[in-house]
Amino acid sequence: MRQVGAEAGNSEAACSSGYSPFLNFDISDLSDAVPRLLMLGAIMDGPIKYPAHGKVAALRSPDGVMIGLYEPNSWENVTSA
């Protein structure tokens, strides 16, 4: 399990909408993670995108923190010897 640490900011920019932290995570199953986050109160910040390198989604947590999810294509996980 991985843990993420965060520190409170007290500047006006850090506490304003539009200037929130943006946390990015590489995940293995976007189709599982997005519905789970929506059930926990997150909202989509645009549609899921399907660029050539993998799937990308942006969500906003209930407290306004932006969350980026990236699921790489399976061929990107293959390493050559």
PDB file of N, CA and C in Angstrom:
ATOM      1  N   MET A   1       0.839  -1.171   0.000  1.00  0.00           N
ATOM      2  CA  MET A   1       0.000   0.000   0.000  1.00  0.00           C
ATOM      3  C   MET A   1       0.887   1.238   0.000  1.00  0.00           C
ATOM      4  N   ARG A   2       0.527   2.210  -0.793  1.00  0.00           N
ATOM      5  CA  ARG A   2       1.265   3.469  -0.846  1.00  0.00           C
ATOM      6  C   ARG A   2       0.519   4.516  -0.054  1.00  0.00           C
ATOM      7  N   GLN A   3       1.262   5.420   0.545  1.00  0.00           N
ATOM      8  CA  GLN A   3       0.658   6.490   1.314  1.00  0.00           C
ATOM      9  C   GLN A   3       1.047   7.819   0.704  1.00  0.00           C
ATOM     10  N   VAL A   4       0.149   8.775   0.813  1.00  0.00           N
ATOM     11  CA  VAL A   4       0.380  10.115   0.302  1.00  0.00           C
ATOM     12  C   VAL A   4       0.320  11.073   1.478  1.00  0.00           C
ATOM     13  N   GLY A   5       1.277  11.958   1.563  1.00  0.00           N
ATOM     14  CA  GLY A   5       1.267  12.973   2.608  1.00  0.00           C
ATOM     15  C   GLY A   5       0.921  14.321   2.011  1.00  0.00           C
ATOM     16  N   ALA A   6       0.260  15.145   2.779  1.00  0.00           N
ATOM     17  CA  ALA A   6      -0.105  16.488   2.327  1.00  0.00           C
ATOM     18  C   ALA A   6       0.105  17.459   3.477  1.00  0.00           C
ATOM     19  N   GLU A   7       0.367  18.684   3.128  1.00  0.00           N
ATOM     20  CA  GLU A   7       0.563  19.715   4.133  1.00  0.00           C
ATOM     21  C   GLU A   7      -0.415  20.847   3.858  1.00  0.00           C
ATOM     22  N   ALA A   8      -1.056  21.357   4.887  1.00  0.00           N
ATOM     23  CA  ALA A   8      -2.026  22.442   4.725  1.00  0.00           C
ATOM     24  C   ALA A   8      -1.319  23.706   4.255  1.00  0.00           C
ATOM     25  N   GLY A   9      -1.971  24.397   3.340  1.00  0.00           N
ATOM     26  CA  GLY A   9      -1.459  25.672   2.874  1.00  0.00           C
ATOM     27  C   GLY A   9      -2.348  26.783   3.393  1.00  0.00           C
ATOM     28  N   ASN A  10      -1.779  27.913   3.741  1.00  0.00           N
ATOM     29  CA  ASN A  10      -2.599  28.999   4.258  1.00  0.00           C
ATOM     30  C   ASN A  10      -2.597  30.217   3.347  1.00  0.00           C
ATOM     31  N   SER A  11      -1.992  30.107   2.179  1.00  0.00           N
ATOM     32  CA  SER A  11      -2.021  31.231   1.252  1.00  0.00           C
ATOM     33  C   SER A  11      -3.372  31.273   0.551  1.00  0.00           C
ATOM     34  N   GLU A  12      -3.756  32.440   0.097  1.00  0.00           N
ATOM     35  CA  GLU A  12      -5.052  32.586  -0.571  1.00  0.00           C
ATOM     36  C   GLU A  12      -5.130  31.718  -1.823  1.00  0.00           C
ATOM     37  N   ALA A  13      -4.051  31.650  -2.592  1.00  0.00           N
ATOM     38  CA  ALA A  13      -4.060  30.846  -3.818  1.00  0.00           C
ATOM     39  C   ALA A  13      -4.252  29.372  -3.506  1.00  0.00           C
ATOM     40  N   ALA A  14      -3.594  28.875  -2.475  1.00  0.00           N
ATOM     41  CA  ALA A  14      -3.699  27.455  -2.134  1.00  0.00           C
ATOM     42  C   ALA A  14      -5.081  27.086  -1.626  1.00  0.00           C
ATOM     43  N   CYS A  15      -5.813  28.044  -1.083  1.00  0.00           N
ATOM     44  CA  CYS A  15      -7.138  27.773  -0.514  1.00  0.00           C
ATOM     45  C   CYS A  15      -8.272  28.142  -1.457  1.00  0.00           C
ATOM     46  N   SER A  16      -7.978  28.628  -2.654  1.00  0.00           N
ATOM     47  CA  SER A  16      -9.007  29.067  -3.591  1.00  0.00           C
ATOM     48  C   SER A  16      -9.332  27.986  -4.600  1.00  0.00           C
ATOM     49  N   SER A  17     -10.557  27.990  -5.066  1.00  0.00           N
ATOM     50  CA  SER A  17     -10.963  27.073  -6.129  1.00  0.00           C
ATOM     51  C   SER A  17     -10.168  27.406  -7.381  1.00  0.00           C
ATOM     52  N   GLY A  18      -9.725  26.386  -8.075  1.00  0.00           N
ATOM     53  CA  GLY A  18      -8.926  26.604  -9.271  1.00  0.00           C
ATOM     54  C   GLY A  18      -7.433  26.541  -8.999  1.00  0.00           C
ATOM     55  N   TYR A  19      -7.048  26.647  -7.741  1.00  0.00           N
ATOM     56  CA  TYR A  19      -5.640  26.572  -7.364  1.00  0.00           C
ATOM     57  C   TYR A  19      -5.380  25.407  -6.425  1.00  0.00           C
ATOM     58  N   SER A  20      -6.255  24.420  -6.467  1.00  0.00           N
ATOM     59  CA  SER A  20      -6.122  23.298  -5.541  1.00  0.00           C
ATOM     60  C   SER A  20      -4.953  22.405  -5.949  1.00  0.00           C
ATOM     61  N   PRO A  21      -4.488  21.594  -5.011  1.00  0.00           N
ATOM     62  CA  PRO A  21      -3.463  20.610  -5.374  1.00  0.00           C
ATOM     63  C   PRO A  21      -3.996  19.669  -6.449  1.00  0.00           C
ATOM     64  N   PHE A  22      -3.116  19.136  -7.252  1.00  0.00           N
ATOM     65  CA  PHE A  22      -3.506  18.175  -8.284  1.00  0.00           C
ATOM     66  C   PHE A  22      -2.695  16.918  -8.037  1.00  0.00           C
ATOM     67  N   LEU A  23      -3.359  15.891  -7.528  1.00  0.00           N
ATOM     68  CA  LEU A  23      -2.700  14.621  -7.241  1.00  0.00           C
ATOM     69  C   LEU A  23      -2.873  13.696  -8.428  1.00  0.00           C
ATOM     70  N   ASN A  24      -1.798  13.102  -8.899  1.00  0.00           N
ATOM     71  CA  ASN A  24      -1.845  12.188 -10.038  1.00  0.00           C
ATOM     72  C   ASN A  24      -1.449  10.789  -9.596  1.00  0.00           C
ATOM     73  N   PHE A  25      -2.203   9.809 -10.092  1.00  0.00           N
ATOM     74  CA  PHE A  25      -1.943   8.422  -9.744  1.00  0.00           C
ATOM     75  C   PHE A  25      -1.943   7.559 -10.990  1.00  0.00           C
ATOM     76  N   ASP A  26      -0.961   6.685 -11.116  1.00  0.00           N
ATOM     77  CA  ASP A  26      -0.961   5.639 -12.138  1.00  0.00           C
ATOM     78  C   ASP A  26      -1.721   4.465 -11.537  1.00  0.00           C
ATOM     79  N   ILE A  27      -2.730   3.978 -12.244  1.00  0.00           N
ATOM     80  CA  ILE A  27      -3.549   2.888 -11.717  1.00  0.00           C
ATOM     81  C   ILE A  27      -3.666   1.786 -12.760  1.00  0.00           C
ATOM     82  N   SER A  28      -4.126   0.625 -12.328  1.00  0.00           N
ATOM     83  CA  SER A  28      -4.230  -0.511 -13.242  1.00  0.00           C
ATOM     84  C   SER A  28      -5.629  -0.696 -13.810  1.00  0.00           C
ATOM     85  N   ASP A  29      -6.667  -0.094 -13.201  1.00  0.00           N
ATOM     86  CA  ASP A  29      -8.034  -0.312 -13.671  1.00  0.00           C
ATOM     87  C   ASP A  29      -8.877   0.944 -13.490  1.00  0.00           C
ATOM     88  N   LEU A  30      -8.875   1.801 -14.497  1.00  0.00           N
ATOM     89  CA  LEU A  30      -9.633   3.046 -14.458  1.00  0.00           C
ATOM     90  C   LEU A  30     -11.131   2.783 -14.362  1.00  0.00           C
ATOM     91  N   SER A  31     -11.604   1.741 -15.047  1.00  0.00           N
ATOM     92  CA  SER A  31     -13.044   1.449 -15.048  1.00  0.00           C
ATOM     93  C   SER A  31     -13.534   1.005 -13.670  1.00  0.00           C
ATOM     94  N   ASP A  32     -12.648   0.574 -12.800  1.00  0.00           N
ATOM     95  CA  ASP A  32     -13.014   0.234 -11.421  1.00  0.00           C
ATOM     96  C   ASP A  32     -12.867   1.447 -10.506  1.00  0.00           C
ATOM     97  N   ALA A  33     -11.813   2.216 -10.688  1.00  0.00           N
ATOM     98  CA  ALA A  33     -11.506   3.328  -9.784  1.00  0.00           C
ATOM     99  C   ALA A  33     -12.488   4.487  -9.906  1.00  0.00           C
ATOM    100  N   VAL A  34     -12.870   4.856 -11.127  1.00  0.00           N
ATOM    101  CA  VAL A  34     -13.734   6.024 -11.311  1.00  0.00           C
ATOM    102  C   VAL A  34     -15.086   5.842 -10.619  1.00  0.00           C
ATOM    103  N   PRO A  35     -15.821   4.749 -10.847  1.00  0.00           N
ATOM    104  CA  PRO A  35     -17.102   4.599 -10.143  1.00  0.00           C
ATOM    105  C   PRO A  35     -16.953   4.588  -8.617  1.00  0.00           C
ATOM    106  N   ARG A  36     -15.875   4.004  -8.124  1.00  0.00           N
ATOM    107  CA  ARG A  36     -15.658   3.985  -6.669  1.00  0.00           C
ATOM    108  C   ARG A  36     -15.451   5.393  -6.132  1.00  0.00           C
ATOM    109  N   LEU A  37     -14.676   6.213  -6.849  1.00  0.00           N
ATOM    110  CA  LEU A  37     -14.460   7.591  -6.411  1.00  0.00           C
ATOM    111  C   LEU A  37     -15.742   8.412  -6.503  1.00  0.00           C
ATOM    112  N   LEU A  38     -16.545   8.177  -7.537  1.00  0.00           N
ATOM    113  CA  LEU A  38     -17.825   8.881  -7.659  1.00  0.00           C
ATOM    114  C   LEU A  38     -18.749   8.525  -6.498  1.00  0.00           C
ATOM    115  N   MET A  39     -18.758   7.262  -6.095  1.00  0.00           N
ATOM    116  CA  MET A  39     -19.583   6.843  -4.958  1.00  0.00           C
ATOM    117  C   MET A  39     -19.114   7.494  -3.655  1.00  0.00           C
ATOM    118  N   LEU A  40     -17.840   7.844  -3.580  1.00  0.00           N
ATOM    119  CA  LEU A  40     -17.291   8.493  -2.389  1.00  0.00           C
ATOM    120  C   LEU A  40     -17.455  10.008  -2.419  1.00  0.00           C
ATOM    121  N   GLY A  41     -18.102  10.539  -3.474  1.00  0.00           N
ATOM    122  CA  GLY A  41     -18.397  11.965  -3.525  1.00  0.00           C
ATOM    123  C   GLY A  41     -17.593  12.784  -4.506  1.00  0.00           C
ATOM    124  N   ALA A  42     -16.673  12.171  -5.233  1.00  0.00           N
ATOM    125  CA  ALA A  42     -15.908  12.908  -6.244  1.00  0.00           C
ATOM    126  C   ALA A  42     -16.814  13.231  -7.429  1.00  0.00           C
ATOM    127  N   ILE A  43     -16.436  14.234  -8.201  1.00  0.00           N
ATOM    128  CA  ILE A  43     -17.160  14.559  -9.433  1.00  0.00           C
ATOM    129  C   ILE A  43     -16.159  14.586 -10.585  1.00  0.00           C
ATOM    130  N   MET A  44     -16.632  14.197 -11.749  1.00  0.00           N
ATOM    131  CA  MET A  44     -15.776  14.207 -12.941  1.00  0.00           C
ATOM    132  C   MET A  44     -15.485  15.645 -13.342  1.00  0.00           C
ATOM    133  N   ASP A  45     -14.279  15.902 -13.782  1.00  0.00           N
ATOM    134  CA  ASP A  45     -13.890  17.206 -14.300  1.00  0.00           C
ATOM    135  C   ASP A  45     -13.604  17.042 -15.787  1.00  0.00           C
ATOM    136  N   GLY A  46     -14.638  16.690 -16.526  1.00  0.00           N
ATOM    137  CA  GLY A  46     -14.511  16.410 -17.949  1.00  0.00           C
ATOM    138  C   GLY A  46     -14.622  14.921 -18.203  1.00  0.00           C
ATOM    139  N   PRO A  47     -14.680  14.540 -19.464  1.00  0.00           N
ATOM    140  CA  PRO A  47     -14.841  13.123 -19.809  1.00  0.00           C
ATOM    141  C   PRO A  47     -13.539  12.335 -19.654  1.00  0.00           C
ATOM    142  N   ILE A  48     -13.681  11.024 -19.568  1.00  0.00           N
ATOM    143  CA  ILE A  48     -12.509  10.148 -19.615  1.00  0.00           C
ATOM    144  C   ILE A  48     -11.941  10.241 -21.022  1.00  0.00           C
ATOM    145  N   LYS A  49     -10.637  10.367 -21.132  1.00  0.00           N
ATOM    146  CA  LYS A  49      -9.994  10.488 -22.442  1.00  0.00           C
ATOM    147  C   LYS A  49      -9.218   9.216 -22.739  1.00  0.00           C
ATOM    148  N   TYR A  50      -9.122   8.911 -24.006  1.00  0.00           N
ATOM    149  CA  TYR A  50      -8.477   7.674 -24.456  1.00  0.00           C
ATOM    150  C   TYR A  50      -7.361   7.973 -25.451  1.00  0.00           C
ATOM    151  N   PRO A  51      -6.307   8.673 -25.033  1.00  0.00           N
ATOM    152  CA  PRO A  51      -5.202   8.911 -25.954  1.00  0.00           C
ATOM    153  C   PRO A  51      -4.470   7.606 -26.268  1.00  0.00           C
ATOM    154  N   ALA A  52      -3.589   7.653 -27.235  1.00  0.00           N
ATOM    155  CA  ALA A  52      -2.897   6.445 -27.703  1.00  0.00           C
ATOM    156  C   ALA A  52      -2.096   5.745 -26.606  1.00  0.00           C
ATOM    157  N   HIS A  53      -1.633   6.476 -25.607  1.00  0.00           N
ATOM    158  CA  HIS A  53      -0.775   5.876 -24.577  1.00  0.00           C
ATOM    159  C   HIS A  53      -1.543   5.299 -23.395  1.00  0.00           C
ATOM    160  N   GLY A  54      -2.855   5.520 -23.284  1.00  0.00           N
ATOM    161  CA  GLY A  54      -3.630   4.977 -22.170  1.00  0.00           C
ATOM    162  C   GLY A  54      -4.859   5.810 -21.874  1.00  0.00           C
ATOM    163  N   LYS A  55      -5.551   5.494 -20.793  1.00  0.00           N
ATOM    164  CA  LYS A  55      -6.765   6.208 -20.391  1.00  0.00           C
ATOM    165  C   LYS A  55      -6.414   7.249 -19.329  1.00  0.00           C
ATOM    166  N   VAL A  56      -7.106   8.396 -19.394  1.00  0.00           N
ATOM    167  CA  VAL A  56      -6.860   9.487 -18.465  1.00  0.00           C
ATOM    168  C   VAL A  56      -8.194  10.022 -17.957  1.00  0.00           C
ATOM    169  N   ALA A  57      -8.289  10.252 -16.651  1.00  0.00           N
ATOM    170  CA  ALA A  57      -9.491  10.846 -16.065  1.00  0.00           C
ATOM    171  C   ALA A  57      -9.079  11.908 -15.055  1.00  0.00           C
ATOM    172  N   ALA A  58      -9.883  12.959 -14.969  1.00  0.00           N
ATOM    173  CA  ALA A  58      -9.669  14.006 -13.967  1.00  0.00           C
ATOM    174  C   ALA A  58     -10.943  14.124 -13.141  1.00  0.00           C
ATOM    175  N   LEU A  59     -10.787  14.109 -11.834  1.00  0.00           N
ATOM    176  CA  LEU A  59     -11.910  14.223 -10.914  1.00  0.00           C
ATOM    177  C   LEU A  59     -11.585  15.280  -9.871  1.00  0.00           C
ATOM    178  N   ARG A  60     -12.630  15.742  -9.193  1.00  0.00           N
ATOM    179  CA  ARG A  60     -12.451  16.676  -8.083  1.00  0.00           C
ATOM    180  C   ARG A  60     -13.043  16.028  -6.838  1.00  0.00           C
ATOM    181  N   SER A  61     -12.263  15.980  -5.767  1.00  0.00           N
ATOM    182  CA  SER A  61     -12.727  15.377  -4.519  1.00  0.00           C
ATOM    183  C   SER A  61     -13.787  16.282  -3.887  1.00  0.00           C
ATOM    184  N   PRO A  62     -14.544  15.773  -2.912  1.00  0.00           N
ATOM    185  CA  PRO A  62     -15.561  16.601  -2.261  1.00  0.00           C
ATOM    186  C   PRO A  62     -15.002  17.888  -1.648  1.00  0.00           C
ATOM    187  N   ASP A  63     -13.735  17.879  -1.240  1.00  0.00           N
ATOM    188  CA  ASP A  63     -13.148  19.094  -0.675  1.00  0.00           C
ATOM    189  C   ASP A  63     -12.376  19.917  -1.701  1.00  0.00           C
ATOM    190  N   GLY A  64     -12.521  19.591  -2.983  1.00  0.00           N
ATOM    191  CA  GLY A  64     -11.980  20.420  -4.053  1.00  0.00           C
ATOM    192  C   GLY A  64     -10.622  20.039  -4.596  1.00  0.00           C
ATOM    193  N   VAL A  65      -9.994  19.014  -4.076  1.00  0.00           N
ATOM    194  CA  VAL A  65      -8.674  18.607  -4.567  1.00  0.00           C
ATOM    195  C   VAL A  65      -8.836  17.887  -5.904  1.00  0.00           C
ATOM    196  N   MET A  66      -8.034  18.272  -6.879  1.00  0.00           N
ATOM    197  CA  MET A  66      -8.070  17.624  -8.188  1.00  0.00           C
ATOM    198  C   MET A  66      -7.311  16.306  -8.122  1.00  0.00           C
ATOM    199  N   ILE A  67      -7.885  15.283  -8.773  1.00  0.00           N
ATOM    200  CA  ILE A  67      -7.284  13.953  -8.806  1.00  0.00           C
ATOM    201  C   ILE A  67      -7.152  13.533 -10.260  1.00  0.00           C
ATOM    202  N   GLY A  68      -5.946  13.225 -10.678  1.00  0.00           N
ATOM    203  CA  GLY A  68      -5.701  12.723 -12.023  1.00  0.00           C
ATOM    204  C   GLY A  68      -5.406  11.236 -11.968  1.00  0.00           C
ATOM    205  N   LEU A  69      -6.073  10.475 -12.831  1.00  0.00           N
ATOM    206  CA  LEU A  69      -5.850   9.033 -12.899  1.00  0.00           C
ATOM    207  C   LEU A  69      -5.331   8.677 -14.281  1.00  0.00           C
ATOM    208  N   TYR A  70      -4.357   7.795 -14.335  1.00  0.00           N
ATOM    209  CA  TYR A  70      -3.776   7.369 -15.610  1.00  0.00           C
ATOM    210  C   TYR A  70      -3.636   5.858 -15.609  1.00  0.00           C
ATOM    211  N   GLU A  71      -4.245   5.214 -16.596  1.00  0.00           N
ATOM    212  CA  GLU A  71      -4.093   3.771 -16.802  1.00  0.00           C
ATOM    213  C   GLU A  71      -3.356   3.569 -18.116  1.00  0.00           C
ATOM    214  N   PRO A  72      -2.080   3.181 -18.060  1.00  0.00           N
ATOM    215  CA  PRO A  72      -1.321   2.997 -19.301  1.00  0.00           C
ATOM    216  C   PRO A  72      -1.835   1.810 -20.096  1.00  0.00           C
ATOM    217  N   ASN A  73      -1.611   1.864 -21.407  1.00  0.00           N
ATOM    218  CA  ASN A  73      -1.906   0.694 -22.239  1.00  0.00           C
ATOM    219  C   ASN A  73      -1.037  -0.460 -21.774  1.00  0.00           C
ATOM    220  N   SER A  74      -1.534  -1.663 -21.938  1.00  0.00           N
ATOM    221  CA  SER A  74      -0.804  -2.833 -21.445  1.00  0.00           C
ATOM    222  C   SER A  74       0.565  -2.971 -22.099  1.00  0.00           C
ATOM    223  N   TRP A  75       0.700  -2.552 -23.349  1.00  0.00           N
ATOM    224  CA  TRP A  75       1.989  -2.700 -24.021  1.00  0.00           C
ATOM    225  C   TRP A  75       3.042  -1.796 -23.414  1.00  0.00           C
ATOM    226  N   GLU A  76       2.652  -0.731 -22.712  1.00  0.00           N
ATOM    227  CA  GLU A  76       3.637   0.131 -22.062  1.00  0.00           C
ATOM    228  C   GLU A  76       4.250  -0.539 -20.840  1.00  0.00           C
ATOM    229  N   ASN A  77       3.549  -1.518 -20.289  1.00  0.00           N
ATOM    230  CA  ASN A  77       4.054  -2.208 -19.111  1.00  0.00           C
ATOM    231  C   ASN A  77       5.067  -3.290 -19.466  1.00  0.00           C
ATOM    232  N   VAL A  78       5.194  -3.603 -20.746  1.00  0.00           N
ATOM    233  CA  VAL A  78       6.110  -4.653 -21.184  1.00  0.00           C
ATOM    234  C   VAL A  78       7.501  -4.050 -21.349  1.00  0.00           C
ATOM    235  N   THR A  79       8.484  -4.682 -20.741  1.00  0.00           N
ATOM    236  CA  THR A  79       9.861  -4.204 -20.882  1.00  0.00           C
ATOM    237  C   THR A  79      10.626  -5.156 -21.781  1.00  0.00           C
ATOM    238  N   SER A  80      11.501  -4.607 -22.582  1.00  0.00           N
ATOM    239  CA  SER A  80      12.307  -5.461 -23.459  1.00  0.00           C
ATOM    240  C   SER A  80      13.579  -5.876 -22.732  1.00  0.00           C
ATOM    241  N   ALA A  81      14.067  -7.043 -23.063  1.00  0.00           N
ATOM    242  CA  ALA A  81      15.272  -7.570 -22.401  1.00  0.00           C
ATOM    243  C   ALA A  81      16.521  -6.988 -23.011  1.00  0.00           C
TER     244      ALA A  81
END
